[in-house]
């Protein structure tokens, strides 16, 4: 399916927009029931939409992250690596982090099945 990467990139754009808008239901609707999500702020992983909801709710009560996808890269097995500009502020609006991070997504049935935080390679071809 030649248009699948384009469809998945649109899905990811929608997920990032929902996260930044704090629209948890819209973001969770783009994930599988057994989604695995990193607790990047705390360590470890959560599994399933309700654990993701609880983690994000806790995270947003302590920090204010904003994540903007910059570039998308197709990888083996249908995965997509996203170069993300991440700005994290504390509750007083002071910047705690302003950096580019990698988010690698795995999909199942056109939905997000897993995300992991990973380093960005120095040179990779865009999707």
PDB file of N, CA and C in Angstrom:
ATOM      1  N   UNK A   1       0.841  -1.185   0.000  1.00  0.00           N
ATOM      2  CA  UNK A   1       0.000   0.000   0.000  1.00  0.00           C
ATOM      3  C   UNK A   1       0.881   1.241   0.000  1.00  0.00           C
ATOM      4  N   UNK A   2       0.994   1.899  -1.099  1.00  0.00           N
ATOM      5  CA  UNK A   2       1.935   3.014  -1.207  1.00  0.00           C
ATOM      6  C   UNK A   2       1.513   4.226  -0.392  1.00  0.00           C
ATOM      7  N   UNK A   3       0.193   4.390  -0.140  1.00  0.00           N
ATOM      8  CA  UNK A   3      -0.242   5.580   0.595  1.00  0.00           C
ATOM      9  C   UNK A   3      -0.285   5.358   2.102  1.00  0.00           C
ATOM     10  N   UNK A   4       0.037   4.145   2.550  1.00  0.00           N
ATOM     11  CA  UNK A   4      -0.045   3.883   3.993  1.00  0.00           C
ATOM     12  C   UNK A   4       0.838   4.804   4.823  1.00  0.00           C
ATOM     13  N   UNK A   5       2.117   5.032   4.470  1.00  0.00           N
ATOM     14  CA  UNK A   5       2.897   5.964   5.285  1.00  0.00           C
ATOM     15  C   UNK A   5       2.235   7.341   5.377  1.00  0.00           C
ATOM     16  N   UNK A   6       1.655   7.825   4.284  1.00  0.00           N
ATOM     17  CA  UNK A   6       0.994   9.130   4.310  1.00  0.00           C
ATOM     18  C   UNK A   6      -0.203   9.112   5.267  1.00  0.00           C
ATOM     19  N   UNK A   7      -0.981   8.030   5.247  1.00  0.00           N
ATOM     20  CA  UNK A   7      -2.128   7.926   6.155  1.00  0.00           C
ATOM     21  C   UNK A   7      -1.664   7.859   7.614  1.00  0.00           C
ATOM     22  N   UNK A   8      -0.603   7.109   7.864  1.00  0.00           N
ATOM     23  CA  UNK A   8      -0.089   7.001   9.229  1.00  0.00           C
ATOM     24  C   UNK A   8       0.485   8.325   9.712  1.00  0.00           C
ATOM     25  N   UNK A   9       1.127   9.065   8.818  1.00  0.00           N
ATOM     26  CA  UNK A   9       1.658  10.383   9.198  1.00  0.00           C
ATOM     27  C   UNK A   9       0.512  11.326   9.556  1.00  0.00           C
ATOM     28  N   UNK A  10      -0.579  11.281   8.796  1.00  0.00           N
ATOM     29  CA  UNK A  10      -1.740  12.114   9.142  1.00  0.00           C
ATOM     30  C   UNK A  10      -2.304  11.711  10.502  1.00  0.00           C
ATOM     31  N   UNK A  11      -2.347  10.405  10.770  1.00  0.00           N
ATOM     32  CA  UNK A  11      -2.805   9.918  12.067  1.00  0.00           C
ATOM     33  C   UNK A  11      -1.899  10.462  13.180  1.00  0.00           C
ATOM     34  N   UNK A  12      -0.587  10.422  12.955  1.00  0.00           N
ATOM     35  CA  UNK A  12       0.345  10.932  13.967  1.00  0.00           C
ATOM     36  C   UNK A  12       0.185  12.438  14.150  1.00  0.00           C
ATOM     37  N   UNK A  13       0.008  13.177  13.074  1.00  0.00           N
ATOM     38  CA  UNK A  13      -0.216  14.630  13.202  1.00  0.00           C
ATOM     39  C   UNK A  13      -1.449  14.900  14.069  1.00  0.00           C
ATOM     40  N   UNK A  14      -2.512  14.124  13.844  1.00  0.00           N
ATOM     41  CA  UNK A  14      -3.737  14.274  14.633  1.00  0.00           C
ATOM     42  C   UNK A  14      -3.484  13.925  16.105  1.00  0.00           C
ATOM     43  N   UNK A  15      -2.679  12.893  16.348  1.00  0.00           N
ATOM     44  CA  UNK A  15      -2.376  12.487  17.727  1.00  0.00           C
ATOM     45  C   UNK A  15      -1.583  13.574  18.452  1.00  0.00           C
ATOM     46  N   UNK A  16      -0.572  14.140  17.784  1.00  0.00           N
ATOM     47  CA  UNK A  16       0.203  15.224  18.405  1.00  0.00           C
ATOM     48  C   UNK A  16      -0.680  16.439  18.671  1.00  0.00           C
ATOM     49  N   UNK A  17      -1.549  16.778  17.715  1.00  0.00           N
ATOM     50  CA  UNK A  17      -2.447  17.929  17.904  1.00  0.00           C
ATOM     51  C   UNK A  17      -3.386  17.692  19.087  1.00  0.00           C
ATOM     52  N   UNK A  18      -3.909  16.472  19.204  1.00  0.00           N
ATOM     53  CA  UNK A  18      -4.808  16.147  20.321  1.00  0.00           C
ATOM     54  C   UNK A  18      -4.057  16.219  21.650  1.00  0.00           C
ATOM     55  N   UNK A  19      -2.830  15.690  21.689  1.00  0.00           N
ATOM     56  CA  UNK A  19      -2.023  15.750  22.910  1.00  0.00           C
ATOM     57  C   UNK A  19      -1.791  17.204  23.317  1.00  0.00           C
ATOM     58  N   UNK A  20      -1.377  18.035  22.365  1.00  0.00           N
ATOM     59  CA  UNK A  20      -1.085  19.437  22.683  1.00  0.00           C
ATOM     60  C   UNK A  20      -2.333  20.204  23.110  1.00  0.00           C
ATOM     61  N   UNK A  21      -3.495  19.793  22.604  1.00  0.00           N
ATOM     62  CA  UNK A  21      -4.765  20.418  22.988  1.00  0.00           C
ATOM     63  C   UNK A  21      -5.326  19.813  24.281  1.00  0.00           C
ATOM     64  N   UNK A  22      -4.627  18.808  24.823  1.00  0.00           N
ATOM     65  CA  UNK A  22      -5.061  18.075  26.022  1.00  0.00           C
ATOM     66  C   UNK A  22      -6.406  17.391  25.794  1.00  0.00           C
ATOM     67  N   UNK A  23      -6.645  16.972  24.535  1.00  0.00           N
ATOM     68  CA  UNK A  23      -7.855  16.247  24.170  1.00  0.00           C
ATOM     69  C   UNK A  23      -7.541  14.750  24.242  1.00  0.00           C
ATOM     70  N   UNK A  24      -7.580  14.213  25.452  1.00  0.00           N
ATOM     71  CA  UNK A  24      -7.175  12.833  25.686  1.00  0.00           C
ATOM     72  C   UNK A  24      -8.031  11.855  24.888  1.00  0.00           C
ATOM     73  N   UNK A  25      -9.339  12.074  24.856  1.00  0.00           N
ATOM     74  CA  UNK A  25     -10.220  11.143  24.154  1.00  0.00           C
ATOM     75  C   UNK A  25      -9.880  11.067  22.670  1.00  0.00           C
ATOM     76  N   UNK A  26      -9.602  12.214  22.045  1.00  0.00           N
ATOM     77  CA  UNK A  26      -9.247  12.219  20.617  1.00  0.00           C
ATOM     78  C   UNK A  26      -7.933  11.472  20.389  1.00  0.00           C
ATOM     79  N   UNK A  27      -6.965  11.663  21.271  1.00  0.00           N
ATOM     80  CA  UNK A  27      -5.678  10.972  21.133  1.00  0.00           C
ATOM     81  C   UNK A  27      -5.850   9.470  21.348  1.00  0.00           C
ATOM     82  N   UNK A  28      -6.589   9.079  22.379  1.00  0.00           N
ATOM     83  CA  UNK A  28      -6.769   7.650  22.672  1.00  0.00           C
ATOM     84  C   UNK A  28      -7.541   6.941  21.573  1.00  0.00           C
ATOM     85  N   UNK A  29      -8.401   7.645  20.857  1.00  0.00           N
ATOM     86  CA  UNK A  29      -9.167   7.046  19.761  1.00  0.00           C
ATOM     87  C   UNK A  29      -8.255   6.602  18.618  1.00  0.00           C
ATOM     88  N   UNK A  30      -7.005   7.094  18.595  1.00  0.00           N
ATOM     89  CA  UNK A  30      -6.050   6.757  17.541  1.00  0.00           C
ATOM     90  C   UNK A  30      -5.130   5.608  17.950  1.00  0.00           C
ATOM     91  N   UNK A  31      -5.412   4.990  19.107  1.00  0.00           N
ATOM     92  CA  UNK A  31      -4.551   3.943  19.658  1.00  0.00           C
ATOM     93  C   UNK A  31      -5.304   2.619  19.773  1.00  0.00           C
ATOM     94  N   UNK A  32      -4.538   1.528  19.713  1.00  0.00           N
ATOM     95  CA  UNK A  32      -5.135   0.200  19.891  1.00  0.00           C
ATOM     96  C   UNK A  32      -5.484  -0.007  21.368  1.00  0.00           C
ATOM     97  N   UNK A  33      -6.395  -0.948  21.659  1.00  0.00           N
ATOM     98  CA  UNK A  33      -6.761  -1.220  23.055  1.00  0.00           C
ATOM     99  C   UNK A  33      -5.592  -1.719  23.910  1.00  0.00           C
ATOM    100  N   UNK A  34      -4.549  -2.274  23.270  1.00  0.00           N
ATOM    101  CA  UNK A  34      -3.395  -2.782  24.017  1.00  0.00           C
ATOM    102  C   UNK A  34      -2.161  -1.894  23.827  1.00  0.00           C
ATOM    103  N   UNK A  35      -2.388  -0.613  23.547  1.00  0.00           N
ATOM    104  CA  UNK A  35      -1.285   0.309  23.302  1.00  0.00           C
ATOM    105  C   UNK A  35      -0.260   0.271  24.436  1.00  0.00           C
ATOM    106  N   UNK A  36       1.019   0.397  24.055  1.00  0.00           N
ATOM    107  CA  UNK A  36       2.115   0.473  25.024  1.00  0.00           C
ATOM    108  C   UNK A  36       2.735   1.862  24.859  1.00  0.00           C
ATOM    109  N   UNK A  37       2.803   2.612  25.959  1.00  0.00           N
ATOM    110  CA  UNK A  37       3.247   4.009  25.910  1.00  0.00           C
ATOM    111  C   UNK A  37       4.333   4.245  26.958  1.00  0.00           C
ATOM    112  N   UNK A  38       5.403   4.952  26.586  1.00  0.00           N
ATOM    113  CA  UNK A  38       6.472   5.187  27.565  1.00  0.00           C
ATOM    114  C   UNK A  38       6.077   6.250  28.588  1.00  0.00           C
ATOM    115  N   UNK A  39       6.493   6.017  29.810  1.00  0.00           N
ATOM    116  CA  UNK A  39       6.351   7.034  30.855  1.00  0.00           C
ATOM    117  C   UNK A  39       7.656   7.848  30.835  1.00  0.00           C
ATOM    118  N   UNK A  40       7.818   8.607  29.759  1.00  0.00           N
ATOM    119  CA  UNK A  40       9.076   9.326  29.531  1.00  0.00           C
ATOM    120  C   UNK A  40       9.417  10.248  30.700  1.00  0.00           C
ATOM    121  N   UNK A  41       8.407  10.788  31.330  1.00  0.00           N
ATOM    122  CA  UNK A  41       8.598  11.720  32.436  1.00  0.00           C
ATOM    123  C   UNK A  41       8.942  10.994  33.739  1.00  0.00           C
ATOM    124  N   UNK A  42       8.522   9.739  33.869  1.00  0.00           N
ATOM    125  CA  UNK A  42       8.691   8.988  35.119  1.00  0.00           C
ATOM    126  C   UNK A  42       9.499   7.698  34.977  1.00  0.00           C
ATOM    127  N   UNK A  43       9.578   7.152  33.754  1.00  0.00           N
ATOM    128  CA  UNK A  43      10.253   5.877  33.548  1.00  0.00           C
ATOM    129  C   UNK A  43       9.269   4.734  33.453  1.00  0.00           C
ATOM    130  N   UNK A  44       9.630   3.719  32.679  1.00  0.00           N
ATOM    131  CA  UNK A  44       8.761   2.557  32.495  1.00  0.00           C
ATOM    132  C   UNK A  44       7.736   2.794  31.394  1.00  0.00           C
ATOM    133  N   UNK A  45       6.712   1.957  31.393  1.00  0.00           N
ATOM    134  CA  UNK A  45       5.673   2.014  30.360  1.00  0.00           C
ATOM    135  C   UNK A  45       4.305   1.860  30.992  1.00  0.00           C
ATOM    136  N   UNK A  46       3.295   2.371  30.305  1.00  0.00           N
ATOM    137  CA  UNK A  46       1.902   2.089  30.664  1.00  0.00           C
ATOM    138  C   UNK A  46       1.294   1.320  29.502  1.00  0.00           C
ATOM    139  N   UNK A  47       0.239   0.556  29.807  1.00  0.00           N
ATOM    140  CA  UNK A  47      -0.415  -0.272  28.793  1.00  0.00           C
ATOM    141  C   UNK A  47      -1.918  -0.037  28.818  1.00  0.00           C
ATOM    142  N   UNK A  48      -2.465   0.181  27.629  1.00  0.00           N
ATOM    143  CA  UNK A  48      -3.907   0.375  27.501  1.00  0.00           C
ATOM    144  C   UNK A  48      -4.306   1.835  27.662  1.00  0.00           C
ATOM    145  N   UNK A  49      -5.441   2.205  27.059  1.00  0.00           N
ATOM    146  CA  UNK A  49      -5.876   3.604  27.059  1.00  0.00           C
ATOM    147  C   UNK A  49      -6.078   4.209  28.445  1.00  0.00           C
ATOM    148  N   UNK A  50      -6.622   3.457  29.385  1.00  0.00           N
ATOM    149  CA  UNK A  50      -6.879   4.043  30.705  1.00  0.00           C
ATOM    150  C   UNK A  50      -5.578   4.345  31.455  1.00  0.00           C
ATOM    151  N   UNK A  51      -4.558   3.495  31.278  1.00  0.00           N
ATOM    152  CA  UNK A  51      -3.258   3.785  31.899  1.00  0.00           C
ATOM    153  C   UNK A  51      -2.594   4.986  31.221  1.00  0.00           C
ATOM    154  N   UNK A  52      -2.749   5.113  29.888  1.00  0.00           N
ATOM    155  CA  UNK A  52      -2.214   6.286  29.191  1.00  0.00           C
ATOM    156  C   UNK A  52      -2.917   7.543  29.709  1.00  0.00           C
ATOM    157  N   UNK A  53      -4.250   7.493  29.827  1.00  0.00           N
ATOM    158  CA  UNK A  53      -5.021   8.635  30.347  1.00  0.00           C
ATOM    159  C   UNK A  53      -4.518   9.045  31.743  1.00  0.00           C
ATOM    160  N   UNK A  54      -4.346   8.073  32.621  1.00  0.00           N
ATOM    161  CA  UNK A  54      -3.904   8.357  33.985  1.00  0.00           C
ATOM    162  C   UNK A  54      -2.501   8.962  33.982  1.00  0.00           C
ATOM    163  N   UNK A  55      -1.609   8.416  33.161  1.00  0.00           N
ATOM    164  CA  UNK A  55      -0.242   8.938  33.086  1.00  0.00           C
ATOM    165  C   UNK A  55      -0.236  10.381  32.583  1.00  0.00           C
ATOM    166  N   UNK A  56      -0.942  10.643  31.485  1.00  0.00           N
ATOM    167  CA  UNK A  56      -0.975  12.006  30.949  1.00  0.00           C
ATOM    168  C   UNK A  56      -1.593  12.980  31.940  1.00  0.00           C
ATOM    169  N   UNK A  57      -2.672  12.567  32.615  1.00  0.00           N
ATOM    170  CA  UNK A  57      -3.318  13.443  33.587  1.00  0.00           C
ATOM    171  C   UNK A  57      -2.343  13.804  34.705  1.00  0.00           C
ATOM    172  N   UNK A  58      -1.603  12.811  35.188  1.00  0.00           N
ATOM    173  CA  UNK A  58      -0.592  13.054  36.221  1.00  0.00           C
ATOM    174  C   UNK A  58       0.511  13.976  35.680  1.00  0.00           C
ATOM    175  N   UNK A  59       0.993  13.678  34.473  1.00  0.00           N
ATOM    176  CA  UNK A  59       2.063  14.470  33.860  1.00  0.00           C
ATOM    177  C   UNK A  59       1.643  15.926  33.737  1.00  0.00           C
ATOM    178  N   UNK A  60       0.447  16.169  33.216  1.00  0.00           N
ATOM    179  CA  UNK A  60      -0.012  17.543  32.982  1.00  0.00           C
ATOM    180  C   UNK A  60      -0.279  18.288  34.280  1.00  0.00           C
ATOM    181  N   UNK A  61      -0.447  17.576  35.388  1.00  0.00           N
ATOM    182  CA  UNK A  61      -0.629  18.264  36.670  1.00  0.00           C
ATOM    183  C   UNK A  61       0.709  18.776  37.208  1.00  0.00           C
ATOM    184  N   UNK A  62       1.821  18.250  36.663  1.00  0.00           N
ATOM    185  CA  UNK A  62       3.156  18.607  37.164  1.00  0.00           C
ATOM    186  C   UNK A  62       3.977  19.432  36.180  1.00  0.00           C
ATOM    187  N   UNK A  63       3.806  19.159  34.880  1.00  0.00           N
ATOM    188  CA  UNK A  63       4.569  19.878  33.852  1.00  0.00           C
ATOM    189  C   UNK A  63       3.649  20.193  32.677  1.00  0.00           C
ATOM    190  N   UNK A  64       4.124  21.078  31.792  1.00  0.00           N
ATOM    191  CA  UNK A  64       3.359  21.468  30.616  1.00  0.00           C
ATOM    192  C   UNK A  64       4.187  21.173  29.362  1.00  0.00           C
ATOM    193  N   UNK A  65       4.081  19.943  28.821  1.00  0.00           N
ATOM    194  CA  UNK A  65       4.845  19.604  27.622  1.00  0.00           C
ATOM    195  C   UNK A  65       4.108  20.024  26.342  1.00  0.00           C
ATOM    196  N   UNK A  66       4.877  20.436  25.352  1.00  0.00           N
ATOM    197  CA  UNK A  66       4.339  20.719  24.008  1.00  0.00           C
ATOM    198  C   UNK A  66       5.254  20.017  23.013  1.00  0.00           C
ATOM    199  N   UNK A  67       4.669  19.199  22.150  1.00  0.00           N
ATOM    200  CA  UNK A  67       5.459  18.411  21.205  1.00  0.00           C
ATOM    201  C   UNK A  67       4.989  18.689  19.781  1.00  0.00           C
ATOM    202  N   UNK A  68       5.917  19.136  18.944  1.00  0.00           N
ATOM    203  CA  UNK A  68       5.616  19.426  17.546  1.00  0.00           C
ATOM    204  C   UNK A  68       6.403  18.487  16.652  1.00  0.00           C
ATOM    205  N   UNK A  69       5.713  17.666  15.851  1.00  0.00           N
ATOM    206  CA  UNK A  69       6.442  16.813  14.906  1.00  0.00           C
ATOM    207  C   UNK A  69       7.090  17.676  13.826  1.00  0.00           C
ATOM    208  N   UNK A  70       8.380  17.437  13.573  1.00  0.00           N
ATOM    209  CA  UNK A  70       9.133  18.205  12.594  1.00  0.00           C
ATOM    210  C   UNK A  70       9.296  17.409  11.300  1.00  0.00           C
ATOM    211  N   UNK A  71       9.705  16.150  11.424  1.00  0.00           N
ATOM    212  CA  UNK A  71       9.945  15.290  10.269  1.00  0.00           C
ATOM    213  C   UNK A  71       9.501  13.871  10.594  1.00  0.00           C
ATOM    214  N   UNK A  72       9.126  13.140   9.547  1.00  0.00           N
ATOM    215  CA  UNK A  72       8.676  11.760   9.668  1.00  0.00           C
ATOM    216  C   UNK A  72       9.550  10.879   8.790  1.00  0.00           C
ATOM    217  N   UNK A  73       9.955   9.717   9.318  1.00  0.00           N
ATOM    218  CA  UNK A  73      10.839   8.798   8.598  1.00  0.00           C
ATOM    219  C   UNK A  73      10.260   7.395   8.620  1.00  0.00           C
ATOM    220  N   UNK A  74      10.112   6.804   7.434  1.00  0.00           N
ATOM    221  CA  UNK A  74       9.647   5.416   7.349  1.00  0.00           C
ATOM    222  C   UNK A  74      10.773   4.481   7.756  1.00  0.00           C
ATOM    223  N   UNK A  75      10.422   3.456   8.512  1.00  0.00           N
ATOM    224  CA  UNK A  75      11.391   2.450   8.936  1.00  0.00           C
ATOM    225  C   UNK A  75      10.867   1.063   8.564  1.00  0.00           C
ATOM    226  N   UNK A  76      11.670   0.062   8.853  1.00  0.00           N
ATOM    227  CA  UNK A  76      11.291  -1.322   8.580  1.00  0.00           C
ATOM    228  C   UNK A  76      10.040  -1.691   9.375  1.00  0.00           C
ATOM    229  N   UNK A  77       9.335  -2.689   8.890  1.00  0.00           N
ATOM    230  CA  UNK A  77       8.154  -3.243   9.562  1.00  0.00           C
ATOM    231  C   UNK A  77       7.040  -2.217   9.723  1.00  0.00           C
ATOM    232  N   UNK A  78       7.030  -1.193   8.862  1.00  0.00           N
ATOM    233  CA  UNK A  78       5.948  -0.220   8.894  1.00  0.00           C
ATOM    234  C   UNK A  78       6.015   0.783  10.032  1.00  0.00           C
ATOM    235  N   UNK A  79       7.136   0.814  10.731  1.00  0.00           N
ATOM    236  CA  UNK A  79       7.275   1.788  11.823  1.00  0.00           C
ATOM    237  C   UNK A  79       7.584   3.167  11.249  1.00  0.00           C
ATOM    238  N   UNK A  80       7.285   4.187  12.037  1.00  0.00           N
ATOM    239  CA  UNK A  80       7.623   5.556  11.652  1.00  0.00           C
ATOM    240  C   UNK A  80       8.350   6.211  12.813  1.00  0.00           C
ATOM    241  N   UNK A  81       9.487   6.833  12.487  1.00  0.00           N
ATOM    242  CA  UNK A  81      10.266   7.594  13.456  1.00  0.00           C
ATOM    243  C   UNK A  81       9.942   9.068  13.232  1.00  0.00           C
ATOM    244  N   UNK A  82       9.643   9.776  14.318  1.00  0.00           N
ATOM    245  CA  UNK A  82       9.296  11.190  14.230  1.00  0.00           C
ATOM    246  C   UNK A  82      10.349  12.014  14.962  1.00  0.00           C
ATOM    247  N   UNK A  83      10.856  13.028  14.267  1.00  0.00           N
ATOM    248  CA  UNK A  83      11.724  14.036  14.888  1.00  0.00           C
ATOM    249  C   UNK A  83      10.772  15.050  15.507  1.00  0.00           C
ATOM    250  N   UNK A  84      10.819  15.167  16.836  1.00  0.00           N
ATOM    251  CA  UNK A  84       9.868  15.986  17.573  1.00  0.00           C
ATOM    252  C   UNK A  84      10.609  17.121  18.280  1.00  0.00           C
ATOM    253  N   UNK A  85      10.107  18.353  18.101  1.00  0.00           N
ATOM    254  CA  UNK A  85      10.613  19.481  18.887  1.00  0.00           C
ATOM    255  C   UNK A  85       9.764  19.522  20.152  1.00  0.00           C
ATOM    256  N   UNK A  86      10.415  19.256  21.268  1.00  0.00           N
ATOM    257  CA  UNK A  86       9.731  19.150  22.553  1.00  0.00           C
ATOM    258  C   UNK A  86      10.136  20.313  23.451  1.00  0.00           C
ATOM    259  N   UNK A  87       9.139  21.033  23.941  1.00  0.00           N
ATOM    260  CA  UNK A  87       9.381  22.098  24.914  1.00  0.00           C
ATOM    261  C   UNK A  87       8.576  21.735  26.158  1.00  0.00           C
ATOM    262  N   UNK A  88       9.273  21.603  27.267  1.00  0.00           N
ATOM    263  CA  UNK A  88       8.626  21.252  28.525  1.00  0.00           C
ATOM    264  C   UNK A  88       8.782  22.432  29.484  1.00  0.00           C
ATOM    265  N   UNK A  89       7.648  22.876  30.029  1.00  0.00           N
ATOM    266  CA  UNK A  89       7.652  23.983  30.994  1.00  0.00           C
ATOM    267  C   UNK A  89       7.119  23.491  32.334  1.00  0.00           C
ATOM    268  N   UNK A  90       7.556  24.149  33.395  1.00  0.00           N
ATOM    269  CA  UNK A  90       6.988  23.825  34.699  1.00  0.00           C
ATOM    270  C   UNK A  90       5.679  24.607  34.853  1.00  0.00           C
ATOM    271  N   UNK A  91       5.031  24.438  35.991  1.00  0.00           N
ATOM    272  CA  UNK A  91       3.735  25.079  36.189  1.00  0.00           C
ATOM    273  C   UNK A  91       3.853  26.597  36.284  1.00  0.00           C
ATOM    274  N   UNK A  92       5.058  27.122  36.533  1.00  0.00           N
ATOM    275  CA  UNK A  92       5.277  28.573  36.558  1.00  0.00           C
ATOM    276  C   UNK A  92       5.684  29.091  35.177  1.00  0.00           C
ATOM    277  N   UNK A  93       5.654  28.222  34.165  1.00  0.00           N
ATOM    278  CA  UNK A  93       5.952  28.545  32.772  1.00  0.00           C
ATOM    279  C   UNK A  93       7.444  28.691  32.465  1.00  0.00           C
ATOM    280  N   UNK A  94       8.301  28.260  33.384  1.00  0.00           N
ATOM    281  CA  UNK A  94       9.745  28.269  33.107  1.00  0.00           C
ATOM    282  C   UNK A  94      10.088  27.061  32.242  1.00  0.00           C
ATOM    283  N   UNK A  95      10.971  27.254  31.265  1.00  0.00           N
ATOM    284  CA  UNK A  95      11.362  26.169  30.364  1.00  0.00           C
ATOM    285  C   UNK A  95      12.300  25.195  31.086  1.00  0.00           C
ATOM    286  N   UNK A  96      11.885  23.937  31.138  1.00  0.00           N
ATOM    287  CA  UNK A  96      12.699  22.879  31.742  1.00  0.00           C
ATOM    288  C   UNK A  96      13.523  22.164  30.681  1.00  0.00           C
ATOM    289  N   UNK A  97      12.981  22.064  29.451  1.00  0.00           N
ATOM    290  CA  UNK A  97      13.672  21.394  28.343  1.00  0.00           C
ATOM    291  C   UNK A  97      13.176  21.984  27.032  1.00  0.00           C
ATOM    292  N   UNK A  98      14.101  22.149  26.107  1.00  0.00           N
ATOM    293  CA  UNK A  98      13.783  22.603  24.753  1.00  0.00           C
ATOM    294  C   UNK A  98      14.742  21.844  23.852  1.00  0.00           C
ATOM    295  N   UNK A  99      14.251  20.747  23.253  1.00  0.00           N
ATOM    296  CA  UNK A  99      15.143  19.844  22.543  1.00  0.00           C
ATOM    297  C   UNK A  99      14.394  19.069  21.468  1.00  0.00           C
ATOM    298  N   UNK A 100      15.160  18.417  20.604  1.00  0.00           N
ATOM    299  CA  UNK A 100      14.592  17.489  19.626  1.00  0.00           C
ATOM    300  C   UNK A 100      14.767  16.079  20.167  1.00  0.00           C
ATOM    301  N   UNK A 101      13.687  15.315  20.109  1.00  0.00           N
ATOM    302  CA  UNK A 101      13.715  13.923  20.559  1.00  0.00           C
ATOM    303  C   UNK A 101      13.112  13.053  19.456  1.00  0.00           C
ATOM    304  N   UNK A 102      13.396  11.775  19.508  1.00  0.00           N
ATOM    305  CA  UNK A 102      12.830  10.827  18.568  1.00  0.00           C
ATOM    306  C   UNK A 102      11.700  10.052  19.212  1.00  0.00           C
ATOM    307  N   UNK A 103      10.608   9.908  18.479  1.00  0.00           N
ATOM    308  CA  UNK A 103       9.486   9.064  18.888  1.00  0.00           C
ATOM    309  C   UNK A 103       9.298   8.021  17.792  1.00  0.00           C
ATOM    310  N   UNK A 104       9.409   6.752  18.139  1.00  0.00           N
ATOM    311  CA  UNK A 104       9.224   5.671  17.164  1.00  0.00           C
ATOM    312  C   UNK A 104       7.862   5.033  17.424  1.00  0.00           C
ATOM    313  N   UNK A 105       7.052   4.981  16.374  1.00  0.00           N
ATOM    314  CA  UNK A 105       5.702   4.439  16.480  1.00  0.00           C
ATOM    315  C   UNK A 105       5.587   3.123  15.734  1.00  0.00           C
ATOM    316  N   UNK A 106       4.859   2.188  16.350  1.00  0.00           N
ATOM    317  CA  UNK A 106       4.485   0.921  15.749  1.00  0.00           C
ATOM    318  C   UNK A 106       2.961   0.952  15.603  1.00  0.00           C
ATOM    319  N   UNK A 107       2.474   0.387  14.498  1.00  0.00           N
ATOM    320  CA  UNK A 107       1.050   0.451  14.201  1.00  0.00           C
ATOM    321  C   UNK A 107       0.454  -0.941  14.058  1.00  0.00           C
ATOM    322  N   UNK A 108      -0.840  -1.011  14.319  1.00  0.00           N
ATOM    323  CA  UNK A 108      -1.593  -2.242  14.109  1.00  0.00           C
ATOM    324  C   UNK A 108      -2.990  -1.840  13.661  1.00  0.00           C
ATOM    325  N   UNK A 109      -3.426  -2.376  12.529  1.00  0.00           N
ATOM    326  CA  UNK A 109      -4.756  -2.070  11.978  1.00  0.00           C
ATOM    327  C   UNK A 109      -4.976  -0.564  11.825  1.00  0.00           C
ATOM    328  N   UNK A 110      -3.918   0.154  11.427  1.00  0.00           N
ATOM    329  CA  UNK A 110      -4.041   1.589  11.177  1.00  0.00           C
ATOM    330  C   UNK A 110      -4.113   2.460  12.414  1.00  0.00           C
ATOM    331  N   UNK A 111      -3.808   1.893  13.581  1.00  0.00           N
ATOM    332  CA  UNK A 111      -3.812   2.643  14.843  1.00  0.00           C
ATOM    333  C   UNK A 111      -2.444   2.525  15.514  1.00  0.00           C
ATOM    334  N   UNK A 112      -2.164   3.439  16.427  1.00  0.00           N
ATOM    335  CA  UNK A 112      -0.905   3.416  17.173  1.00  0.00           C
ATOM    336  C   UNK A 112      -0.945   2.252  18.156  1.00  0.00           C
ATOM    337  N   UNK A 113       0.034   1.348  18.037  1.00  0.00           N
ATOM    338  CA  UNK A 113       0.100   0.197  18.939  1.00  0.00           C
ATOM    339  C   UNK A 113       1.171   0.404  20.008  1.00  0.00           C
ATOM    340  N   UNK A 114       2.207   1.188  19.666  1.00  0.00           N
ATOM    341  CA  UNK A 114       3.274   1.437  20.641  1.00  0.00           C
ATOM    342  C   UNK A 114       4.041   2.679  20.230  1.00  0.00           C
ATOM    343  N   UNK A 115       4.591   3.342  21.249  1.00  0.00           N
ATOM    344  CA  UNK A 115       5.496   4.468  21.025  1.00  0.00           C
ATOM    345  C   UNK A 115       6.674   4.277  21.948  1.00  0.00           C
ATOM    346  N   UNK A 116       7.855   4.627  21.449  1.00  0.00           N
ATOM    347  CA  UNK A 116       9.041   4.608  22.297  1.00  0.00           C
ATOM    348  C   UNK A 116       9.840   5.871  22.022  1.00  0.00           C
ATOM    349  N   UNK A 117      10.494   6.364  23.043  1.00  0.00           N
ATOM    350  CA  UNK A 117      11.396   7.501  22.897  1.00  0.00           C
ATOM    351  C   UNK A 117      12.748   6.923  22.512  1.00  0.00           C
ATOM    352  N   UNK A 118      13.377   7.494  21.486  1.00  0.00           N
ATOM    353  CA  UNK A 118      14.626   6.944  20.999  1.00  0.00           C
ATOM    354  C   UNK A 118      15.519   8.071  20.477  1.00  0.00           C
ATOM    355  N   UNK A 119      16.813   7.805  20.328  1.00  0.00           N
ATOM    356  CA  UNK A 119      17.690   8.821  19.766  1.00  0.00           C
ATOM    357  C   UNK A 119      17.379   9.041  18.289  1.00  0.00           C
ATOM    358  N   UNK A 120      17.684  10.232  17.816  1.00  0.00           N
ATOM    359  CA  UNK A 120      17.518  10.536  16.408  1.00  0.00           C
ATOM    360  C   UNK A 120      18.815  10.232  15.687  1.00  0.00           C
ATOM    361  N   UNK A 121      18.776   9.402  14.637  1.00  0.00           N
ATOM    362  CA  UNK A 121      19.991   9.164  13.847  1.00  0.00           C
ATOM    363  C   UNK A 121      20.437  10.472  13.182  1.00  0.00           C
ATOM    364  N   UNK A 122      21.692  10.569  12.868  1.00  0.00           N
ATOM    365  CA  UNK A 122      22.210  11.800  12.271  1.00  0.00           C
ATOM    366  C   UNK A 122      21.745  11.995  10.843  1.00  0.00           C
ATOM    367  N   UNK A 123      21.571  10.912  10.089  1.00  0.00           N
ATOM    368  CA  UNK A 123      21.070  11.060   8.723  1.00  0.00           C
ATOM    369  C   UNK A 123      20.190   9.879   8.361  1.00  0.00           C
ATOM    370  N   UNK A 124      18.931  10.174   8.119  1.00  0.00           N
ATOM    371  CA  UNK A 124      17.975   9.147   7.726  1.00  0.00           C
ATOM    372  C   UNK A 124      17.068   9.717   6.643  1.00  0.00           C
ATOM    373  N   UNK A 125      16.632   8.894   5.704  1.00  0.00           N
ATOM    374  CA  UNK A 125      15.769   9.403   4.629  1.00  0.00           C
ATOM    375  C   UNK A 125      14.354   9.685   5.139  1.00  0.00           C
ATOM    376  N   UNK A 126      13.774  10.782   4.681  1.00  0.00           N
ATOM    377  CA  UNK A 126      12.415  11.145   5.101  1.00  0.00           C
ATOM    378  C   UNK A 126      11.382  10.234   4.466  1.00  0.00           C
ATOM    379  N   UNK A 127      10.256  10.107   5.155  1.00  0.00           N
ATOM    380  CA  UNK A 127       9.121   9.306   4.632  1.00  0.00           C
ATOM    381  C   UNK A 127       8.452  10.051   3.492  1.00  0.00           C
TER     382      UNK A 127
END
